[in-house]
N, C-alpha and C. Protein backbone atom coordinates (compact mmCIF):
# COMPACT_ATOMS: atom_id res chain seq x y z
N UNK A 1 -49.79 41.77 33.17
CA UNK A 1 -49.09 42.19 31.98
C UNK A 1 -48.08 43.25 32.37
N UNK A 2 -47.06 43.39 31.63
CA UNK A 2 -46.06 44.39 31.94
C UNK A 2 -45.24 44.71 30.72
N UNK A 3 -44.27 45.56 30.93
CA UNK A 3 -43.38 45.90 29.84
C UNK A 3 -42.29 44.84 29.73
N UNK A 4 -41.53 44.92 28.67
CA UNK A 4 -40.43 43.95 28.52
C UNK A 4 -39.42 44.10 29.67
N UNK A 5 -39.19 45.33 30.06
CA UNK A 5 -38.24 45.54 31.16
C UNK A 5 -38.75 44.89 32.44
N UNK A 6 -40.06 45.01 32.67
CA UNK A 6 -40.61 44.40 33.87
C UNK A 6 -40.52 42.88 33.78
N UNK A 7 -40.76 42.30 32.60
CA UNK A 7 -40.62 40.85 32.43
C UNK A 7 -39.18 40.43 32.72
N UNK A 8 -38.23 41.22 32.30
CA UNK A 8 -36.82 40.93 32.60
C UNK A 8 -36.57 40.98 34.09
N UNK A 9 -37.21 41.91 34.77
CA UNK A 9 -37.05 42.03 36.22
C UNK A 9 -37.56 40.76 36.90
N UNK A 10 -38.69 40.23 36.42
CA UNK A 10 -39.24 39.00 37.00
C UNK A 10 -38.25 37.85 36.84
N UNK A 11 -37.65 37.72 35.67
CA UNK A 11 -36.66 36.67 35.45
C UNK A 11 -35.44 36.90 36.35
N UNK A 12 -34.97 38.13 36.43
CA UNK A 12 -33.81 38.45 37.26
C UNK A 12 -34.09 38.10 38.72
N UNK A 13 -35.31 38.42 39.20
CA UNK A 13 -35.67 38.12 40.59
C UNK A 13 -35.72 36.61 40.83
N UNK A 14 -36.25 35.86 39.86
CA UNK A 14 -36.30 34.40 39.99
C UNK A 14 -34.90 33.83 40.06
N UNK A 15 -34.01 34.32 39.22
CA UNK A 15 -32.62 33.84 39.24
C UNK A 15 -31.93 34.23 40.55
N UNK A 16 -32.21 35.42 41.03
CA UNK A 16 -31.62 35.85 42.31
C UNK A 16 -32.12 34.98 43.45
N UNK A 17 -33.40 34.67 43.45
CA UNK A 17 -34.00 33.88 44.52
C UNK A 17 -33.57 32.42 44.46
N UNK A 18 -33.67 31.81 43.27
CA UNK A 18 -33.41 30.38 43.12
C UNK A 18 -31.96 30.06 42.79
N UNK A 19 -31.27 31.00 42.22
CA UNK A 19 -29.93 30.72 41.73
C UNK A 19 -30.00 29.99 40.40
N UNK A 20 -28.90 30.00 39.71
CA UNK A 20 -28.86 29.36 38.38
C UNK A 20 -29.16 27.86 38.48
N UNK A 21 -28.58 27.19 39.45
CA UNK A 21 -28.79 25.74 39.61
C UNK A 21 -30.24 25.45 40.00
N UNK A 22 -30.81 26.26 40.89
CA UNK A 22 -32.19 26.06 41.30
C UNK A 22 -33.16 26.28 40.16
N UNK A 23 -32.88 27.29 39.34
CA UNK A 23 -33.74 27.57 38.20
C UNK A 23 -33.64 26.43 37.18
N UNK A 24 -32.43 25.95 36.92
CA UNK A 24 -32.22 24.83 35.99
C UNK A 24 -32.92 23.57 36.51
N UNK A 25 -32.85 23.35 37.82
CA UNK A 25 -33.51 22.18 38.42
C UNK A 25 -35.03 22.27 38.23
N UNK A 26 -35.58 23.48 38.39
CA UNK A 26 -37.01 23.67 38.21
C UNK A 26 -37.42 23.39 36.76
N UNK A 27 -36.65 23.87 35.81
CA UNK A 27 -36.94 23.62 34.39
C UNK A 27 -36.87 22.13 34.09
N UNK A 28 -35.85 21.45 34.59
CA UNK A 28 -35.72 20.01 34.37
C UNK A 28 -36.88 19.24 34.99
N UNK A 29 -37.31 19.67 36.15
CA UNK A 29 -38.44 19.02 36.82
C UNK A 29 -39.71 19.17 35.98
N UNK A 30 -39.92 20.36 35.41
CA UNK A 30 -41.10 20.58 34.56
C UNK A 30 -41.04 19.71 33.31
N UNK A 31 -39.87 19.56 32.73
CA UNK A 31 -39.73 18.71 31.55
C UNK A 31 -39.96 17.24 31.92
N UNK A 32 -39.47 16.82 33.08
CA UNK A 32 -39.72 15.44 33.55
C UNK A 32 -41.22 15.20 33.74
N UNK A 33 -41.91 16.18 34.33
CA UNK A 33 -43.35 16.05 34.51
C UNK A 33 -44.07 16.01 33.15
N UNK A 34 -43.57 16.77 32.20
CA UNK A 34 -44.17 16.76 30.87
C UNK A 34 -43.94 15.41 30.19
N UNK A 35 -42.77 14.82 30.38
CA UNK A 35 -42.52 13.45 29.89
C UNK A 35 -43.50 12.46 30.52
N UNK A 36 -43.72 12.62 31.81
CA UNK A 36 -44.68 11.76 32.51
C UNK A 36 -46.07 11.93 31.91
N UNK A 37 -46.46 13.18 31.64
CA UNK A 37 -47.74 13.46 31.01
C UNK A 37 -47.82 12.78 29.64
N UNK A 38 -46.77 12.90 28.85
CA UNK A 38 -46.75 12.29 27.51
C UNK A 38 -46.93 10.78 27.59
N UNK A 39 -46.28 10.15 28.55
CA UNK A 39 -46.45 8.71 28.73
C UNK A 39 -47.88 8.36 29.14
N UNK A 40 -48.49 9.19 29.97
CA UNK A 40 -49.89 8.96 30.37
C UNK A 40 -50.82 9.10 29.16
N UNK A 41 -50.57 10.09 28.33
CA UNK A 41 -51.38 10.30 27.12
C UNK A 41 -51.28 9.08 26.22
N UNK A 42 -50.06 8.54 26.07
CA UNK A 42 -49.86 7.36 25.22
C UNK A 42 -50.67 6.16 25.71
N UNK A 43 -51.02 6.13 26.99
CA UNK A 43 -51.80 5.02 27.55
C UNK A 43 -53.31 5.21 27.39
N UNK A 44 -53.75 6.41 27.03
CA UNK A 44 -55.18 6.69 26.88
C UNK A 44 -55.58 6.41 25.44
N UNK A 45 -56.52 5.50 25.24
CA UNK A 45 -56.85 5.05 23.88
C UNK A 45 -57.50 6.13 23.03
N UNK A 46 -58.17 7.09 23.63
CA UNK A 46 -58.88 8.10 22.85
C UNK A 46 -58.07 9.38 22.65
N UNK A 47 -56.82 9.38 23.10
CA UNK A 47 -55.97 10.56 22.95
C UNK A 47 -54.75 10.22 22.11
N UNK A 48 -54.27 11.21 21.37
CA UNK A 48 -53.09 11.04 20.54
C UNK A 48 -52.11 12.17 20.87
N UNK A 49 -50.90 11.79 21.25
CA UNK A 49 -49.87 12.79 21.52
C UNK A 49 -49.30 13.27 20.20
N UNK A 50 -49.02 14.55 20.11
CA UNK A 50 -48.46 15.12 18.89
C UNK A 50 -47.03 15.55 19.14
N UNK A 51 -46.10 14.81 18.64
CA UNK A 51 -44.70 15.18 18.75
C UNK A 51 -44.04 14.70 20.03
N UNK A 52 -42.75 14.88 20.04
CA UNK A 52 -41.94 14.51 21.20
C UNK A 52 -41.87 15.67 22.18
N UNK A 53 -41.62 15.35 23.42
CA UNK A 53 -41.48 16.37 24.46
C UNK A 53 -40.05 16.91 24.40
N UNK A 54 -39.94 18.22 24.18
CA UNK A 54 -38.63 18.87 24.19
C UNK A 54 -38.56 19.96 25.24
N UNK A 55 -39.71 20.51 25.58
CA UNK A 55 -39.80 21.55 26.61
C UNK A 55 -40.91 21.11 27.58
N UNK A 56 -41.42 22.06 28.34
CA UNK A 56 -42.48 21.73 29.29
C UNK A 56 -43.86 21.85 28.64
N UNK A 57 -43.91 21.70 27.31
CA UNK A 57 -45.16 21.79 26.55
C UNK A 57 -45.44 20.45 25.89
N UNK A 58 -46.69 20.01 25.99
CA UNK A 58 -47.10 18.76 25.35
C UNK A 58 -48.42 19.02 24.63
N UNK A 59 -48.49 18.67 23.34
CA UNK A 59 -49.71 18.85 22.57
C UNK A 59 -50.32 17.49 22.28
N UNK A 60 -51.65 17.46 22.26
CA UNK A 60 -52.37 16.21 22.07
C UNK A 60 -53.70 16.48 21.40
N UNK A 61 -54.32 15.41 20.95
CA UNK A 61 -55.66 15.50 20.36
C UNK A 61 -56.54 14.43 20.97
N UNK A 62 -57.80 14.77 21.15
CA UNK A 62 -58.81 13.83 21.60
C UNK A 62 -59.47 13.27 20.35
N UNK A 63 -59.23 11.98 20.07
CA UNK A 63 -59.75 11.35 18.85
C UNK A 63 -60.38 10.00 19.16
N UNK A 64 -61.56 10.01 19.76
CA UNK A 64 -62.25 8.74 20.02
C UNK A 64 -62.70 8.13 18.68
N UNK A 65 -63.01 6.85 18.66
CA UNK A 65 -63.42 6.20 17.40
C UNK A 65 -64.55 6.92 16.68
N UNK A 66 -65.46 7.54 17.42
CA UNK A 66 -66.61 8.22 16.81
C UNK A 66 -66.20 9.36 15.88
N UNK A 67 -65.05 9.98 16.12
CA UNK A 67 -64.64 11.10 15.26
C UNK A 67 -63.28 10.88 14.60
N UNK A 68 -62.68 9.75 14.81
CA UNK A 68 -61.34 9.49 14.27
C UNK A 68 -61.29 9.66 12.75
N UNK A 69 -62.36 9.24 12.06
CA UNK A 69 -62.39 9.33 10.60
C UNK A 69 -63.23 10.52 10.12
N UNK A 70 -63.64 11.39 11.04
CA UNK A 70 -64.46 12.54 10.69
C UNK A 70 -63.61 13.60 9.98
N UNK A 71 -64.29 14.54 9.38
CA UNK A 71 -63.60 15.66 8.72
C UNK A 71 -62.77 16.43 9.75
N UNK A 72 -61.71 17.05 9.28
CA UNK A 72 -60.83 17.80 10.16
C UNK A 72 -61.54 18.88 10.94
N UNK A 73 -62.52 19.54 10.31
CA UNK A 73 -63.24 20.60 11.03
C UNK A 73 -64.04 20.04 12.19
N UNK A 74 -64.61 18.85 12.03
CA UNK A 74 -65.33 18.21 13.14
C UNK A 74 -64.37 17.86 14.27
N UNK A 75 -63.22 17.33 13.92
CA UNK A 75 -62.21 17.00 14.93
C UNK A 75 -61.75 18.27 15.65
N UNK A 76 -61.58 19.34 14.89
CA UNK A 76 -61.16 20.61 15.50
C UNK A 76 -62.21 21.12 16.48
N UNK A 77 -63.48 21.03 16.10
CA UNK A 77 -64.55 21.46 17.01
C UNK A 77 -64.54 20.64 18.30
N UNK A 78 -64.25 19.35 18.17
CA UNK A 78 -64.22 18.49 19.36
C UNK A 78 -63.09 18.93 20.30
N UNK A 79 -61.93 19.29 19.75
CA UNK A 79 -60.82 19.75 20.60
C UNK A 79 -61.23 21.01 21.34
N UNK A 80 -61.87 21.92 20.61
CA UNK A 80 -62.31 23.18 21.21
C UNK A 80 -63.33 22.94 22.31
N UNK A 81 -64.30 22.05 22.04
CA UNK A 81 -65.33 21.75 23.04
C UNK A 81 -64.73 21.12 24.29
N UNK A 82 -63.81 20.19 24.11
CA UNK A 82 -63.20 19.53 25.26
C UNK A 82 -62.41 20.55 26.09
N UNK A 83 -61.66 21.40 25.44
CA UNK A 83 -60.90 22.43 26.16
C UNK A 83 -61.84 23.31 26.97
N UNK A 84 -62.94 23.73 26.37
CA UNK A 84 -63.89 24.60 27.06
C UNK A 84 -64.55 23.87 28.21
N UNK A 85 -64.90 22.61 28.02
CA UNK A 85 -65.53 21.82 29.08
C UNK A 85 -64.58 21.70 30.28
N UNK A 86 -63.33 21.40 30.01
CA UNK A 86 -62.34 21.27 31.09
C UNK A 86 -62.16 22.60 31.81
N UNK A 87 -62.05 23.67 31.04
CA UNK A 87 -61.87 24.99 31.64
C UNK A 87 -63.07 25.39 32.49
N UNK A 88 -64.28 25.16 31.98
CA UNK A 88 -65.49 25.49 32.75
C UNK A 88 -65.59 24.65 34.02
N UNK A 89 -65.07 23.42 33.98
CA UNK A 89 -65.12 22.56 35.16
C UNK A 89 -64.29 23.11 36.31
N UNK A 90 -63.28 23.91 36.00
CA UNK A 90 -62.48 24.57 37.02
C UNK A 90 -61.46 23.70 37.74
N UNK A 91 -61.33 22.42 37.35
CA UNK A 91 -60.39 21.53 38.03
C UNK A 91 -59.02 21.48 37.34
N UNK A 92 -58.99 21.86 36.09
CA UNK A 92 -57.74 21.84 35.31
C UNK A 92 -57.83 22.94 34.28
N UNK A 93 -56.70 23.23 33.66
CA UNK A 93 -56.69 24.29 32.66
C UNK A 93 -55.69 23.92 31.58
N UNK A 94 -56.13 24.06 30.34
CA UNK A 94 -55.25 23.87 29.19
C UNK A 94 -55.73 24.77 28.08
N UNK A 95 -54.94 24.91 27.06
CA UNK A 95 -55.30 25.76 25.94
C UNK A 95 -55.37 24.92 24.67
N UNK A 96 -55.73 25.58 23.59
CA UNK A 96 -55.64 24.93 22.29
C UNK A 96 -54.66 25.72 21.44
N UNK A 97 -54.19 25.06 20.42
CA UNK A 97 -53.29 25.69 19.46
C UNK A 97 -53.57 25.07 18.11
N UNK A 98 -52.94 25.56 17.08
CA UNK A 98 -53.09 24.99 15.74
C UNK A 98 -51.73 24.46 15.31
N UNK A 99 -51.69 23.16 15.00
CA UNK A 99 -50.48 22.51 14.52
C UNK A 99 -50.77 21.89 13.16
N UNK A 100 -50.01 22.27 12.18
CA UNK A 100 -50.18 21.75 10.82
C UNK A 100 -51.64 21.89 10.35
N UNK A 101 -52.23 23.04 10.67
CA UNK A 101 -53.57 23.36 10.22
C UNK A 101 -54.71 22.73 11.00
N UNK A 102 -54.42 21.98 12.05
CA UNK A 102 -55.45 21.29 12.85
C UNK A 102 -55.38 21.78 14.28
N UNK A 103 -56.54 21.87 14.91
CA UNK A 103 -56.65 22.28 16.32
C UNK A 103 -56.11 21.17 17.20
N UNK A 104 -55.37 21.54 18.23
CA UNK A 104 -54.82 20.58 19.18
C UNK A 104 -54.92 21.15 20.59
N UNK A 105 -54.95 20.27 21.57
CA UNK A 105 -54.91 20.67 22.97
C UNK A 105 -53.46 20.88 23.35
N UNK A 106 -53.20 21.88 24.20
CA UNK A 106 -51.82 22.22 24.56
C UNK A 106 -51.72 22.33 26.08
N UNK A 107 -50.81 21.55 26.64
CA UNK A 107 -50.57 21.58 28.08
C UNK A 107 -49.17 22.13 28.32
N UNK A 108 -49.07 23.11 29.19
CA UNK A 108 -47.78 23.70 29.54
C UNK A 108 -47.62 23.57 31.05
N UNK A 109 -46.66 22.78 31.46
CA UNK A 109 -46.42 22.58 32.89
C UNK A 109 -45.35 23.57 33.32
N UNK A 110 -45.77 24.57 34.11
CA UNK A 110 -44.80 25.59 34.51
C UNK A 110 -44.95 26.06 35.94
N UNK A 111 -45.76 25.38 36.73
CA UNK A 111 -45.89 25.75 38.13
C UNK A 111 -44.98 24.86 38.98
N UNK A 112 -44.28 25.47 39.88
CA UNK A 112 -43.41 24.67 40.76
C UNK A 112 -44.23 23.83 41.73
N UNK A 113 -45.54 24.07 41.81
CA UNK A 113 -46.41 23.28 42.68
C UNK A 113 -46.94 22.01 42.01
N UNK A 114 -46.78 21.89 40.69
CA UNK A 114 -47.33 20.74 39.96
C UNK A 114 -46.61 19.45 40.37
N UNK A 115 -47.42 18.42 40.62
CA UNK A 115 -46.89 17.10 40.98
C UNK A 115 -47.51 16.06 40.06
N UNK A 116 -46.99 14.83 40.11
CA UNK A 116 -47.53 13.75 39.28
C UNK A 116 -49.01 13.51 39.54
N UNK A 117 -49.42 13.65 40.77
CA UNK A 117 -50.83 13.42 41.10
C UNK A 117 -51.73 14.40 40.36
N UNK A 118 -51.25 15.61 40.11
CA UNK A 118 -52.03 16.59 39.35
C UNK A 118 -52.18 16.13 37.90
N UNK A 119 -51.13 15.56 37.36
CA UNK A 119 -51.17 15.06 35.99
C UNK A 119 -52.13 13.87 35.89
N UNK A 120 -52.05 12.97 36.86
CA UNK A 120 -52.96 11.83 36.88
C UNK A 120 -54.42 12.30 36.94
N UNK A 121 -54.69 13.26 37.80
CA UNK A 121 -56.04 13.79 37.94
C UNK A 121 -56.48 14.50 36.66
N UNK A 122 -55.58 15.23 36.04
CA UNK A 122 -55.91 15.91 34.79
C UNK A 122 -56.26 14.91 33.69
N UNK A 123 -55.58 13.77 33.67
CA UNK A 123 -55.90 12.72 32.70
C UNK A 123 -57.31 12.20 32.92
N UNK A 124 -57.67 12.01 34.17
CA UNK A 124 -59.03 11.56 34.49
C UNK A 124 -60.06 12.60 34.06
N UNK A 125 -59.78 13.86 34.33
CA UNK A 125 -60.69 14.94 33.97
C UNK A 125 -60.85 15.02 32.44
N UNK A 126 -59.74 14.92 31.71
CA UNK A 126 -59.79 14.99 30.25
C UNK A 126 -60.58 13.83 29.67
N UNK A 127 -60.35 12.63 30.19
CA UNK A 127 -61.07 11.45 29.69
C UNK A 127 -62.57 11.59 29.96
N UNK A 128 -62.92 12.04 31.16
CA UNK A 128 -64.34 12.22 31.50
C UNK A 128 -64.96 13.32 30.65
N UNK A 129 -64.24 14.42 30.49
CA UNK A 129 -64.72 15.51 29.64
C UNK A 129 -64.87 15.09 28.20
N UNK A 130 -63.94 14.26 27.73
CA UNK A 130 -64.02 13.77 26.37
C UNK A 130 -65.23 12.89 26.15
N UNK A 131 -65.50 12.00 27.10
CA UNK A 131 -66.68 11.13 26.99
C UNK A 131 -67.96 11.95 26.93
N UNK A 132 -68.04 12.96 27.77
CA UNK A 132 -69.22 13.83 27.78
C UNK A 132 -69.32 14.60 26.48
N UNK A 133 -68.19 15.07 25.95
CA UNK A 133 -68.20 15.82 24.70
C UNK A 133 -68.69 14.96 23.55
N UNK A 134 -68.27 13.69 23.51
CA UNK A 134 -68.73 12.79 22.45
C UNK A 134 -70.22 12.57 22.56
N UNK A 135 -70.73 12.36 23.78
CA UNK A 135 -72.16 12.18 23.99
C UNK A 135 -72.93 13.40 23.51
N UNK A 136 -72.44 14.59 23.88
CA UNK A 136 -73.10 15.82 23.46
C UNK A 136 -73.04 15.98 21.95
N UNK A 137 -71.90 15.64 21.36
CA UNK A 137 -71.75 15.74 19.90
C UNK A 137 -72.76 14.83 19.22
N UNK A 138 -72.93 13.61 19.72
CA UNK A 138 -73.90 12.69 19.14
C UNK A 138 -75.32 13.24 19.28
N UNK A 139 -75.64 13.81 20.45
CA UNK A 139 -76.97 14.39 20.64
C UNK A 139 -77.19 15.55 19.67
N UNK A 140 -76.16 16.39 19.51
CA UNK A 140 -76.29 17.52 18.60
C UNK A 140 -76.44 17.02 17.17
N UNK A 141 -75.66 16.01 16.77
CA UNK A 141 -75.78 15.47 15.42
C UNK A 141 -77.16 14.86 15.21
N UNK A 142 -77.68 14.14 16.21
CA UNK A 142 -79.02 13.55 16.09
C UNK A 142 -80.08 14.64 15.97
N UNK A 143 -79.97 15.68 16.79
CA UNK A 143 -80.95 16.78 16.74
C UNK A 143 -80.87 17.48 15.38
N UNK A 144 -79.66 17.70 14.89
CA UNK A 144 -79.48 18.34 13.59
C UNK A 144 -80.04 17.45 12.48
N UNK A 145 -79.81 16.15 12.57
CA UNK A 145 -80.33 15.22 11.58
C UNK A 145 -81.86 15.24 11.61
N UNK A 146 -82.46 15.25 12.81
CA UNK A 146 -83.91 15.30 12.93
C UNK A 146 -84.47 16.56 12.31
N UNK A 147 -83.82 17.69 12.55
CA UNK A 147 -84.25 18.95 11.94
C UNK A 147 -84.17 18.85 10.42
N UNK A 148 -83.10 18.26 9.92
CA UNK A 148 -82.95 18.11 8.47
C UNK A 148 -84.04 17.22 7.89
N UNK A 149 -84.36 16.14 8.58
CA UNK A 149 -85.42 15.24 8.11
C UNK A 149 -86.76 15.97 8.09
N UNK A 150 -87.05 16.71 9.16
CA UNK A 150 -88.29 17.47 9.21
C UNK A 150 -88.35 18.50 8.09
N UNK A 151 -87.24 19.11 7.82
CA UNK A 151 -87.18 20.10 6.75
C UNK A 151 -87.46 19.44 5.40
N UNK A 152 -86.84 18.30 5.15
CA UNK A 152 -87.03 17.59 3.88
C UNK A 152 -88.49 17.18 3.72
N UNK A 153 -89.09 16.66 4.78
CA UNK A 153 -90.49 16.25 4.73
C UNK A 153 -91.38 17.45 4.42
N UNK A 154 -91.12 18.57 5.06
CA UNK A 154 -91.94 19.76 4.79
C UNK A 154 -91.76 20.23 3.36
N UNK A 155 -90.57 20.07 2.82
CA UNK A 155 -90.32 20.49 1.44
C UNK A 155 -90.95 19.53 0.43
N UNK A 156 -91.10 18.27 0.81
CA UNK A 156 -91.71 17.31 -0.10
C UNK A 156 -93.17 17.63 -0.36
N UNK A 157 -93.80 18.33 0.55
CA UNK A 157 -95.19 18.71 0.37
C UNK A 157 -95.35 19.70 -0.78
N UNK A 158 -94.32 20.41 -1.07
CA UNK A 158 -94.35 21.36 -2.18
C UNK A 158 -94.03 20.64 -3.47
N UNK A 159 -94.57 21.14 -4.57
CA UNK A 159 -94.32 20.51 -5.86
C UNK A 159 -92.88 20.73 -6.30
N UNK A 160 -92.38 21.90 -6.09
CA UNK A 160 -90.99 22.16 -6.48
C UNK A 160 -90.24 22.77 -5.31
N UNK A 161 -88.98 22.48 -5.25
CA UNK A 161 -88.14 22.98 -4.17
C UNK A 161 -87.38 24.20 -4.67
N UNK A 162 -87.43 25.24 -3.89
CA UNK A 162 -86.73 26.46 -4.26
C UNK A 162 -85.28 26.34 -3.81
N UNK A 163 -84.39 26.07 -4.75
CA UNK A 163 -82.97 25.87 -4.46
C UNK A 163 -82.36 27.12 -3.83
N UNK A 164 -82.79 28.27 -4.28
CA UNK A 164 -82.25 29.51 -3.73
C UNK A 164 -82.50 29.61 -2.23
N UNK A 165 -83.68 29.23 -1.76
CA UNK A 165 -84.00 29.26 -0.34
C UNK A 165 -83.12 28.28 0.44
N UNK A 166 -82.87 27.12 -0.13
CA UNK A 166 -82.02 26.13 0.53
C UNK A 166 -80.59 26.66 0.70
N UNK A 167 -80.09 27.31 -0.35
CA UNK A 167 -78.73 27.87 -0.28
C UNK A 167 -78.66 28.98 0.76
N UNK A 168 -79.69 29.82 0.83
CA UNK A 168 -79.72 30.88 1.84
C UNK A 168 -79.75 30.30 3.25
N UNK A 169 -80.54 29.23 3.43
CA UNK A 169 -80.60 28.58 4.74
C UNK A 169 -79.22 28.06 5.13
N UNK A 170 -78.49 27.49 4.16
CA UNK A 170 -77.16 26.97 4.45
C UNK A 170 -76.20 28.10 4.81
N UNK A 171 -76.29 29.23 4.08
CA UNK A 171 -75.43 30.38 4.37
C UNK A 171 -75.70 30.89 5.78
N UNK A 172 -76.99 30.97 6.15
CA UNK A 172 -77.33 31.44 7.50
C UNK A 172 -76.85 30.45 8.56
N UNK A 173 -76.98 29.17 8.28
CA UNK A 173 -76.52 28.15 9.24
C UNK A 173 -75.00 28.23 9.39
N UNK A 174 -74.29 28.41 8.26
CA UNK A 174 -72.83 28.55 8.32
C UNK A 174 -72.44 29.79 9.09
N UNK A 175 -73.13 30.89 8.85
CA UNK A 175 -72.85 32.14 9.56
C UNK A 175 -73.09 31.97 11.05
N UNK A 176 -74.19 31.27 11.39
CA UNK A 176 -74.50 31.03 12.80
C UNK A 176 -73.41 30.19 13.45
N UNK A 177 -72.95 29.13 12.76
CA UNK A 177 -71.88 28.28 13.31
C UNK A 177 -70.60 29.09 13.48
N UNK A 178 -70.30 29.98 12.52
CA UNK A 178 -69.11 30.81 12.61
C UNK A 178 -69.19 31.73 13.81
N UNK A 179 -70.40 32.33 14.04
CA UNK A 179 -70.57 33.19 15.22
C UNK A 179 -70.42 32.40 16.50
N UNK A 180 -71.01 31.21 16.54
CA UNK A 180 -70.93 30.37 17.75
C UNK A 180 -69.48 29.99 18.02
N UNK A 181 -68.76 29.59 16.98
CA UNK A 181 -67.36 29.21 17.16
C UNK A 181 -66.52 30.40 17.55
N UNK A 182 -66.86 31.59 17.01
CA UNK A 182 -66.13 32.81 17.36
C UNK A 182 -66.33 33.21 18.79
N UNK A 183 -67.48 32.85 19.38
CA UNK A 183 -67.76 33.20 20.77
C UNK A 183 -67.06 32.29 21.73
N UNK A 184 -66.66 31.09 21.25
CA UNK A 184 -66.06 30.13 22.17
C UNK A 184 -64.60 30.29 22.28
């Protein structure tokens, strides 16, 4: 991190080292690689590219059939989980952002070392991470459903159900999910 003046110094040094033409060539190369990434995303059936490539940034969403028709919040959680899985794997790095109120994955190609092979490998990593995330999501949904069934069965043993207790349980579950999402 630095001050604005120091950031200007970094840009000035890059221009001095590369020259205006070299810097422009580097920017064009990054945009070409981002176009290549966008074309690769278009070929992946479980991913959706968001928007056209205008800079070295490309946004996308992981939307496999299992969550394509799910609520927006579920889709958003899946984007967050996939981003975290990829980051923890240590082989690639991307961020998330919010576009039109929905969570999206964001890739920014800005290293002069990036090559097409890195993009191809990142596509493989994202697809593998996405498959694992869907499997985990299904396991979590099944475990949550089992807990709900067990809860309902235990409540059926009682003559009357205390609605107030159910609402409190939901508030605590929502608070717990909010804390978990806040930690990620």
